[in-house]
Amino acid sequence: MSKQRNVFISHHHADDDHVSGLTDLLRRQGFQIRNSSIRAKPSNQSRLDKKQIPEATLKRLLRMKMSWASTVIVLIGKETHQRPWVDWEIRKANELGKRIVGVFARGGTEADIPPAFEEYGDALVNWNSNSVIEAIEGTDSPFETAGSSTSRAPVHAARTARC
């Protein structure tokens, strides 16, 4: 039986192949991942690169696509930490109260973690289906070292609730 999860995968457009790989990895474990993130076609990517689409339009589109997802997955690749849109998506996910799970793409390192994830990340895992599934479901919230199952300190202080 397939388990369906609605997610938004925040990523650098150069990592589109990793997005497909991640959804395939989870599908093989019986999970149907409905990803609402934007993966621009080459013609649209050209318009984005030339800044021909107003920023307010992009933010509205991203907010709408993110709003129905239960979890925002941040795919952490070699250039993710340099991407202002990934940082914005993480901050927006926090504003919307979404669970934020970082997944190291193959080759991703600690140095690639986006600044906003340092503040708001809920779990940080390697490219391992069990770890990713547990982090998405919230049954485990590990903070793993890149390329190892070794635990590390969380990237931020634990959140506290006020009544």
N, C-alpha and C. Protein backbone atom coordinates (compact mmCIF):
# COMPACT_ATOMS: atom_id res chain seq x y z
N MET A 1 0.84 -1.19 0.00
CA MET A 1 0.00 0.00 0.00
C MET A 1 0.88 1.25 0.00
N SER A 2 0.55 2.18 -0.84
CA SER A 2 1.33 3.40 -0.98
C SER A 2 0.90 4.43 0.07
N LYS A 3 1.88 5.11 0.65
CA LYS A 3 1.61 6.20 1.57
C LYS A 3 1.88 7.50 0.82
N GLN A 4 0.91 8.38 0.78
CA GLN A 4 1.05 9.62 0.04
C GLN A 4 1.46 10.75 0.98
N ARG A 5 2.43 11.54 0.57
CA ARG A 5 2.88 12.70 1.33
C ARG A 5 2.94 13.89 0.39
N ASN A 6 2.43 15.01 0.85
CA ASN A 6 2.50 16.26 0.10
C ASN A 6 3.70 17.04 0.63
N VAL A 7 4.68 17.27 -0.23
CA VAL A 7 5.88 17.98 0.17
C VAL A 7 6.19 19.08 -0.84
N PHE A 8 7.01 19.99 -0.41
CA PHE A 8 7.58 21.01 -1.28
C PHE A 8 9.08 20.80 -1.16
N ILE A 9 9.76 20.56 -2.28
CA ILE A 9 11.20 20.33 -2.25
C ILE A 9 11.91 21.60 -2.70
N SER A 10 12.53 22.26 -1.74
CA SER A 10 13.30 23.47 -2.02
C SER A 10 14.68 23.03 -2.50
N HIS A 11 15.10 23.58 -3.65
CA HIS A 11 16.37 23.13 -4.23
C HIS A 11 16.89 24.17 -5.22
N HIS A 12 18.15 24.05 -5.52
CA HIS A 12 18.79 24.85 -6.56
C HIS A 12 18.45 24.18 -7.89
N HIS A 13 18.05 24.95 -8.90
CA HIS A 13 17.58 24.35 -10.16
C HIS A 13 18.62 23.43 -10.79
N ALA A 14 19.89 23.62 -10.50
CA ALA A 14 20.91 22.72 -11.04
C ALA A 14 20.80 21.31 -10.44
N ASP A 15 20.04 21.18 -9.35
CA ASP A 15 19.86 19.89 -8.68
C ASP A 15 18.55 19.20 -9.05
N ASP A 16 17.92 19.59 -10.16
CA ASP A 16 16.65 18.97 -10.56
C ASP A 16 16.74 17.45 -10.65
N ASP A 17 17.86 16.93 -11.13
CA ASP A 17 18.01 15.46 -11.22
C ASP A 17 17.98 14.81 -9.84
N HIS A 18 18.52 15.51 -8.84
CA HIS A 18 18.49 14.98 -7.47
C HIS A 18 17.05 14.95 -6.93
N VAL A 19 16.24 15.92 -7.34
CA VAL A 19 14.83 15.93 -6.91
C VAL A 19 14.15 14.67 -7.43
N SER A 20 14.35 14.36 -8.70
CA SER A 20 13.77 13.14 -9.28
C SER A 20 14.31 11.91 -8.56
N GLY A 21 15.60 11.90 -8.28
CA GLY A 21 16.21 10.77 -7.59
C GLY A 21 15.64 10.57 -6.20
N LEU A 22 15.39 11.67 -5.49
CA LEU A 22 14.83 11.58 -4.15
C LEU A 22 13.40 11.03 -4.18
N THR A 23 12.58 11.54 -5.08
CA THR A 23 11.21 11.05 -5.16
C THR A 23 11.19 9.58 -5.59
N ASP A 24 12.12 9.18 -6.47
CA ASP A 24 12.21 7.77 -6.87
C ASP A 24 12.65 6.89 -5.70
N LEU A 25 13.62 7.36 -4.92
CA LEU A 25 14.10 6.62 -3.75
C LEU A 25 12.95 6.34 -2.78
N LEU A 26 12.13 7.34 -2.54
CA LEU A 26 11.01 7.18 -1.61
C LEU A 26 9.88 6.34 -2.21
N ARG A 27 9.67 6.46 -3.51
CA ARG A 27 8.64 5.66 -4.18
C ARG A 27 8.95 4.17 -4.05
N ARG A 28 10.23 3.83 -4.17
CA ARG A 28 10.63 2.42 -4.03
C ARG A 28 10.35 1.88 -2.63
N GLN A 29 10.17 2.77 -1.66
CA GLN A 29 9.84 2.37 -0.29
C GLN A 29 8.33 2.46 -0.02
N GLY A 30 7.55 2.63 -1.08
CA GLY A 30 6.10 2.65 -0.95
C GLY A 30 5.50 4.02 -0.70
N PHE A 31 6.29 5.09 -0.84
CA PHE A 31 5.78 6.43 -0.62
C PHE A 31 5.52 7.12 -1.94
N GLN A 32 4.36 7.72 -2.06
CA GLN A 32 4.02 8.54 -3.21
C GLN A 32 4.22 9.98 -2.78
N ILE A 33 5.21 10.61 -3.34
CA ILE A 33 5.54 11.99 -2.97
C ILE A 33 4.94 12.94 -3.99
N ARG A 34 4.07 13.79 -3.53
CA ARG A 34 3.50 14.85 -4.38
C ARG A 34 4.30 16.12 -4.10
N ASN A 35 5.17 16.45 -5.03
CA ASN A 35 6.07 17.59 -4.87
C ASN A 35 5.50 18.80 -5.60
N SER A 36 5.27 19.87 -4.86
CA SER A 36 4.69 21.07 -5.47
C SER A 36 5.74 22.12 -5.83
N SER A 37 7.01 21.80 -5.69
CA SER A 37 8.03 22.81 -5.99
C SER A 37 8.10 23.10 -7.48
N ILE A 38 8.78 24.18 -7.80
CA ILE A 38 8.89 24.62 -9.19
C ILE A 38 10.14 24.03 -9.81
N ARG A 39 9.95 23.36 -10.93
CA ARG A 39 11.08 22.87 -11.72
C ARG A 39 10.87 23.46 -13.10
N ALA A 40 11.57 24.55 -13.36
CA ALA A 40 11.34 25.34 -14.57
C ALA A 40 11.85 24.64 -15.83
N LYS A 41 11.03 24.71 -16.88
CA LYS A 41 11.46 24.25 -18.20
C LYS A 41 12.55 25.21 -18.67
N PRO A 42 13.40 24.79 -19.60
CA PRO A 42 14.50 25.66 -20.06
C PRO A 42 14.05 27.06 -20.49
N SER A 43 12.93 27.15 -21.20
CA SER A 43 12.48 28.47 -21.66
C SER A 43 12.07 29.34 -20.47
N ASN A 44 11.40 28.75 -19.49
CA ASN A 44 11.02 29.51 -18.30
C ASN A 44 12.24 29.84 -17.44
N GLN A 45 13.21 28.91 -17.37
CA GLN A 45 14.42 29.17 -16.60
C GLN A 45 15.16 30.37 -17.18
N SER A 46 15.16 30.48 -18.50
CA SER A 46 15.79 31.62 -19.16
C SER A 46 15.11 32.93 -18.74
N ARG A 47 13.79 32.91 -18.68
CA ARG A 47 13.04 34.11 -18.23
C ARG A 47 13.36 34.44 -16.78
N LEU A 48 13.48 33.39 -15.95
CA LEU A 48 13.84 33.60 -14.55
C LEU A 48 15.24 34.20 -14.43
N ASP A 49 16.19 33.62 -15.18
CA ASP A 49 17.57 34.10 -15.14
C ASP A 49 17.69 35.55 -15.58
N LYS A 50 16.85 35.95 -16.53
CA LYS A 50 16.87 37.33 -17.04
C LYS A 50 16.00 38.26 -16.20
N LYS A 51 15.43 37.72 -15.12
CA LYS A 51 14.58 38.48 -14.19
C LYS A 51 13.39 39.13 -14.91
N GLN A 52 12.80 38.37 -15.85
CA GLN A 52 11.65 38.86 -16.59
C GLN A 52 10.33 38.54 -15.88
N ILE A 53 10.39 37.82 -14.79
CA ILE A 53 9.19 37.52 -14.01
C ILE A 53 9.31 38.30 -12.70
N PRO A 54 8.33 39.14 -12.40
CA PRO A 54 8.41 39.96 -11.19
C PRO A 54 8.59 39.10 -9.93
N GLU A 55 9.42 39.57 -9.02
CA GLU A 55 9.69 38.86 -7.78
C GLU A 55 8.40 38.61 -6.98
N ALA A 56 7.50 39.59 -6.95
CA ALA A 56 6.24 39.42 -6.22
C ALA A 56 5.42 38.26 -6.80
N THR A 57 5.46 38.09 -8.10
CA THR A 57 4.74 36.99 -8.75
C THR A 57 5.34 35.65 -8.34
N LEU A 58 6.66 35.57 -8.34
CA LEU A 58 7.33 34.33 -7.92
C LEU A 58 7.02 34.00 -6.47
N LYS A 59 7.08 34.98 -5.60
CA LYS A 59 6.80 34.74 -4.18
C LYS A 59 5.37 34.26 -3.98
N ARG A 60 4.42 34.87 -4.68
CA ARG A 60 3.02 34.45 -4.56
C ARG A 60 2.86 33.01 -5.03
N LEU A 61 3.47 32.66 -6.17
CA LEU A 61 3.40 31.30 -6.70
C LEU A 61 4.03 30.30 -5.73
N LEU A 62 5.20 30.61 -5.21
CA LEU A 62 5.87 29.71 -4.27
C LEU A 62 5.05 29.53 -2.99
N ARG A 63 4.49 30.63 -2.48
CA ARG A 63 3.67 30.56 -1.27
C ARG A 63 2.45 29.67 -1.49
N MET A 64 1.81 29.80 -2.65
CA MET A 64 0.64 28.96 -2.95
C MET A 64 1.05 27.49 -3.05
N LYS A 65 2.14 27.22 -3.72
CA LYS A 65 2.59 25.84 -3.90
C LYS A 65 3.04 25.22 -2.58
N MET A 66 3.60 26.03 -1.70
CA MET A 66 4.09 25.54 -0.42
C MET A 66 2.95 25.35 0.58
N SER A 67 1.89 26.10 0.43
CA SER A 67 0.84 26.12 1.46
C SER A 67 0.16 24.77 1.69
N TRP A 68 0.02 23.93 0.67
CA TRP A 68 -0.67 22.66 0.85
C TRP A 68 0.27 21.53 1.28
N ALA A 69 1.57 21.78 1.28
CA ALA A 69 2.53 20.74 1.68
C ALA A 69 2.60 20.64 3.20
N SER A 70 2.73 19.43 3.70
CA SER A 70 2.90 19.26 5.15
C SER A 70 4.35 19.47 5.56
N THR A 71 5.26 19.19 4.64
CA THR A 71 6.70 19.25 4.93
C THR A 71 7.43 19.94 3.79
N VAL A 72 8.42 20.73 4.15
CA VAL A 72 9.31 21.30 3.15
C VAL A 72 10.64 20.58 3.29
N ILE A 73 11.05 19.94 2.21
CA ILE A 73 12.34 19.25 2.16
C ILE A 73 13.33 20.20 1.49
N VAL A 74 14.46 20.41 2.13
CA VAL A 74 15.51 21.23 1.54
C VAL A 74 16.59 20.28 1.04
N LEU A 75 16.73 20.21 -0.26
CA LEU A 75 17.74 19.36 -0.88
C LEU A 75 19.06 20.12 -0.83
N ILE A 76 20.01 19.62 -0.06
CA ILE A 76 21.26 20.34 0.18
C ILE A 76 22.36 19.80 -0.73
N GLY A 77 22.64 20.56 -1.77
CA GLY A 77 23.69 20.22 -2.72
C GLY A 77 24.83 21.21 -2.62
N LYS A 78 25.74 21.14 -3.57
CA LYS A 78 26.98 21.91 -3.50
C LYS A 78 26.81 23.43 -3.51
N GLU A 79 25.73 23.94 -4.09
CA GLU A 79 25.56 25.40 -4.17
C GLU A 79 24.32 25.89 -3.45
N THR A 80 23.65 25.02 -2.73
CA THR A 80 22.38 25.38 -2.09
C THR A 80 22.52 26.57 -1.15
N HIS A 81 23.59 26.60 -0.39
CA HIS A 81 23.78 27.67 0.60
C HIS A 81 23.92 29.06 -0.04
N GLN A 82 24.18 29.11 -1.33
CA GLN A 82 24.35 30.38 -2.04
C GLN A 82 23.07 30.85 -2.73
N ARG A 83 22.00 30.10 -2.63
CA ARG A 83 20.78 30.39 -3.38
C ARG A 83 19.81 31.22 -2.55
N PRO A 84 19.61 32.50 -2.88
CA PRO A 84 18.70 33.34 -2.09
C PRO A 84 17.26 32.83 -2.10
N TRP A 85 16.82 32.21 -3.19
CA TRP A 85 15.44 31.71 -3.23
C TRP A 85 15.25 30.53 -2.29
N VAL A 86 16.25 29.67 -2.16
CA VAL A 86 16.15 28.56 -1.20
C VAL A 86 16.04 29.12 0.21
N ASP A 87 16.85 30.12 0.52
CA ASP A 87 16.79 30.74 1.83
C ASP A 87 15.40 31.34 2.07
N TRP A 88 14.85 32.04 1.07
CA TRP A 88 13.52 32.63 1.19
C TRP A 88 12.47 31.54 1.43
N GLU A 89 12.57 30.43 0.68
CA GLU A 89 11.60 29.34 0.83
C GLU A 89 11.64 28.74 2.24
N ILE A 90 12.82 28.62 2.81
CA ILE A 90 12.94 28.09 4.18
C ILE A 90 12.29 29.05 5.16
N ARG A 91 12.56 30.32 5.02
CA ARG A 91 11.96 31.31 5.92
C ARG A 91 10.43 31.33 5.79
N LYS A 92 9.93 31.22 4.56
CA LYS A 92 8.49 31.19 4.33
C LYS A 92 7.89 29.92 4.93
N ALA A 93 8.57 28.80 4.78
CA ALA A 93 8.09 27.54 5.37
C ALA A 93 7.97 27.68 6.88
N ASN A 94 8.94 28.32 7.50
CA ASN A 94 8.86 28.55 8.94
C ASN A 94 7.67 29.42 9.29
N GLU A 95 7.46 30.50 8.53
CA GLU A 95 6.31 31.38 8.74
C GLU A 95 4.99 30.62 8.65
N LEU A 96 4.93 29.67 7.71
CA LEU A 96 3.72 28.90 7.48
C LEU A 96 3.58 27.71 8.45
N GLY A 97 4.57 27.53 9.32
CA GLY A 97 4.50 26.46 10.32
C GLY A 97 4.77 25.08 9.75
N LYS A 98 5.54 25.00 8.67
CA LYS A 98 5.83 23.71 8.04
C LYS A 98 7.02 23.03 8.72
N ARG A 99 7.01 21.71 8.71
CA ARG A 99 8.18 20.94 9.15
C ARG A 99 9.24 21.11 8.06
N ILE A 100 10.49 21.38 8.46
CA ILE A 100 11.56 21.64 7.51
C ILE A 100 12.64 20.57 7.69
N VAL A 101 12.80 19.75 6.65
CA VAL A 101 13.73 18.62 6.68
C VAL A 101 14.82 18.85 5.65
N GLY A 102 16.07 18.85 6.08
CA GLY A 102 17.20 18.94 5.16
C GLY A 102 17.65 17.55 4.76
N VAL A 103 17.94 17.37 3.48
CA VAL A 103 18.46 16.10 2.98
C VAL A 103 19.72 16.40 2.18
N PHE A 104 20.85 15.84 2.62
CA PHE A 104 22.09 16.02 1.88
C PHE A 104 22.01 15.25 0.57
N ALA A 105 22.15 15.96 -0.55
CA ALA A 105 22.29 15.30 -1.85
C ALA A 105 23.67 14.65 -1.86
N ARG A 106 23.84 13.68 -2.70
CA ARG A 106 25.17 13.05 -2.80
C ARG A 106 26.19 14.14 -3.14
N GLY A 107 27.22 14.24 -2.31
CA GLY A 107 28.24 15.26 -2.50
C GLY A 107 28.00 16.50 -1.67
N GLY A 108 26.82 16.62 -1.04
CA GLY A 108 26.53 17.77 -0.18
C GLY A 108 27.35 17.68 1.10
N THR A 109 27.75 18.84 1.63
CA THR A 109 28.57 18.88 2.84
C THR A 109 27.96 19.84 3.86
N GLU A 110 28.55 19.85 5.05
CA GLU A 110 28.10 20.76 6.10
C GLU A 110 28.19 22.22 5.63
N ALA A 111 29.18 22.53 4.80
CA ALA A 111 29.37 23.90 4.31
C ALA A 111 28.26 24.33 3.36
N ASP A 112 27.46 23.38 2.87
CA ASP A 112 26.40 23.68 1.90
C ASP A 112 25.05 23.99 2.55
N ILE A 113 24.97 23.93 3.86
CA ILE A 113 23.70 24.16 4.55
C ILE A 113 23.31 25.64 4.43
N PRO A 114 22.10 25.92 3.92
CA PRO A 114 21.66 27.32 3.78
C PRO A 114 21.55 28.02 5.14
N PRO A 115 21.83 29.32 5.19
CA PRO A 115 21.75 30.06 6.45
C PRO A 115 20.39 29.95 7.14
N ALA A 116 19.29 30.01 6.40
CA ALA A 116 17.97 29.93 7.02
C ALA A 116 17.73 28.55 7.62
N PHE A 117 18.31 27.50 7.03
CA PHE A 117 18.15 26.17 7.62
C PHE A 117 18.86 26.10 8.96
N GLU A 118 19.97 26.82 9.09
CA GLU A 118 20.68 26.89 10.37
C GLU A 118 19.75 27.40 11.47
N GLU A 119 18.82 28.28 11.10
CA GLU A 119 17.89 28.85 12.07
C GLU A 119 16.62 28.02 12.28
N TYR A 120 16.10 27.40 11.22
CA TYR A 120 14.76 26.83 11.28
C TYR A 120 14.63 25.34 10.98
N GLY A 121 15.71 24.66 10.65
CA GLY A 121 15.62 23.26 10.28
C GLY A 121 15.14 22.38 11.43
N ASP A 122 14.29 21.39 11.12
CA ASP A 122 13.77 20.46 12.12
C ASP A 122 14.50 19.13 12.13
N ALA A 123 15.09 18.74 11.01
CA ALA A 123 15.85 17.49 10.92
C ALA A 123 16.81 17.64 9.74
N LEU A 124 17.94 16.95 9.83
CA LEU A 124 18.95 16.99 8.78
C LEU A 124 19.48 15.58 8.59
N VAL A 125 19.22 15.01 7.41
CA VAL A 125 19.57 13.61 7.19
C VAL A 125 20.33 13.42 5.88
N ASN A 126 20.96 12.27 5.79
CA ASN A 126 21.67 11.88 4.58
C ASN A 126 20.71 11.23 3.60
N TRP A 127 21.21 10.92 2.43
CA TRP A 127 20.47 10.31 1.33
C TRP A 127 20.21 8.85 1.67
N ASN A 128 19.24 8.62 2.53
CA ASN A 128 18.90 7.28 2.99
C ASN A 128 17.39 7.24 3.16
N SER A 129 16.73 6.31 2.49
CA SER A 129 15.26 6.32 2.47
C SER A 129 14.66 6.25 3.87
N ASN A 130 15.17 5.39 4.73
CA ASN A 130 14.60 5.28 6.09
C ASN A 130 14.75 6.57 6.87
N SER A 131 15.93 7.19 6.80
CA SER A 131 16.15 8.45 7.52
C SER A 131 15.24 9.55 6.99
N VAL A 132 15.11 9.63 5.67
CA VAL A 132 14.28 10.67 5.07
C VAL A 132 12.82 10.47 5.46
N ILE A 133 12.34 9.24 5.38
CA ILE A 133 10.94 8.95 5.72
C ILE A 133 10.65 9.28 7.18
N GLU A 134 11.53 8.86 8.08
CA GLU A 134 11.33 9.15 9.51
C GLU A 134 11.35 10.66 9.77
N ALA A 135 12.21 11.39 9.07
CA ALA A 135 12.26 12.84 9.25
C ALA A 135 11.00 13.51 8.71
N ILE A 136 10.51 13.06 7.54
CA ILE A 136 9.28 13.62 6.97
C ILE A 136 8.10 13.37 7.91
N GLU A 137 8.01 12.15 8.41
CA GLU A 137 6.90 11.79 9.28
C GLU A 137 7.03 12.36 10.69
N GLY A 138 8.21 12.83 11.05
CA GLY A 138 8.41 13.39 12.38
C GLY A 138 8.60 12.34 13.45
N THR A 139 8.80 11.07 13.06
CA THR A 139 9.02 10.02 14.06
C THR A 139 10.44 10.09 14.60
N ASP A 140 11.33 10.76 13.87
CA ASP A 140 12.69 10.97 14.32
C ASP A 140 13.13 12.32 13.75
N SER A 141 13.88 13.06 14.53
CA SER A 141 14.36 14.36 14.08
C SER A 141 15.88 14.45 14.26
N PRO A 142 16.60 13.56 13.58
CA PRO A 142 18.05 13.55 13.75
C PRO A 142 18.72 14.72 13.04
N PHE A 143 19.90 15.01 13.49
CA PHE A 143 20.79 15.93 12.79
C PHE A 143 22.06 15.14 12.53
N GLU A 144 22.20 14.68 11.28
CA GLU A 144 23.31 13.82 10.91
C GLU A 144 24.44 14.62 10.27
N THR A 145 25.64 14.09 10.39
CA THR A 145 26.80 14.65 9.72
C THR A 145 26.76 14.21 8.27
N ALA A 146 27.13 15.09 7.35
CA ALA A 146 27.11 14.76 5.92
C ALA A 146 27.95 13.52 5.65
N GLY A 147 27.37 12.57 4.91
CA GLY A 147 28.08 11.37 4.50
C GLY A 147 28.29 10.35 5.60
N SER A 148 27.61 10.51 6.74
CA SER A 148 27.80 9.60 7.86
C SER A 148 26.51 9.50 8.66
N SER A 149 26.32 8.39 9.32
CA SER A 149 25.13 8.25 10.18
C SER A 149 25.41 8.79 11.58
N THR A 150 26.58 9.39 11.76
CA THR A 150 26.96 9.96 13.05
C THR A 150 26.08 11.16 13.36
N SER A 151 25.57 11.19 14.58
CA SER A 151 24.75 12.33 14.99
C SER A 151 25.64 13.54 15.24
N ARG A 152 25.04 14.69 15.10
CA ARG A 152 25.73 15.94 15.38
C ARG A 152 24.77 16.85 16.11
N ALA A 153 25.26 17.94 16.61
CA ALA A 153 24.40 18.89 17.31
C ALA A 153 23.42 19.50 16.31
N PRO A 154 22.18 19.79 16.75
CA PRO A 154 21.23 20.46 15.86
C PRO A 154 21.81 21.77 15.36
N VAL A 155 21.31 22.21 14.21
CA VAL A 155 21.83 23.43 13.61
C VAL A 155 21.31 24.69 14.29
N HIS A 156 20.32 24.54 15.14
CA HIS A 156 19.76 25.71 15.85
C HIS A 156 19.28 25.27 17.22
N ALA A 157 18.97 26.23 18.05
CA ALA A 157 18.43 25.92 19.37
C ALA A 157 17.02 25.36 19.21
N ALA A 158 16.63 24.50 20.11
CA ALA A 158 15.28 23.90 20.07
C ALA A 158 14.23 25.00 20.17
N ARG A 159 13.13 24.80 19.44
CA ARG A 159 12.04 25.77 19.49
C ARG A 159 11.29 25.62 20.80
N THR A 160 10.80 26.71 21.29
CA THR A 160 10.00 26.66 22.51
C THR A 160 8.63 27.24 22.20
N ALA A 161 7.62 26.75 22.92
CA ALA A 161 6.26 27.25 22.73
C ALA A 161 5.87 28.08 23.93
N ARG A 162 5.10 29.10 23.67
CA ARG A 162 4.59 29.94 24.75
C ARG A 162 3.09 29.89 24.75
N CYS A 163 2.52 29.81 25.91
CA CYS A 163 1.05 29.78 26.04
C CYS A 163 0.52 31.14 26.37
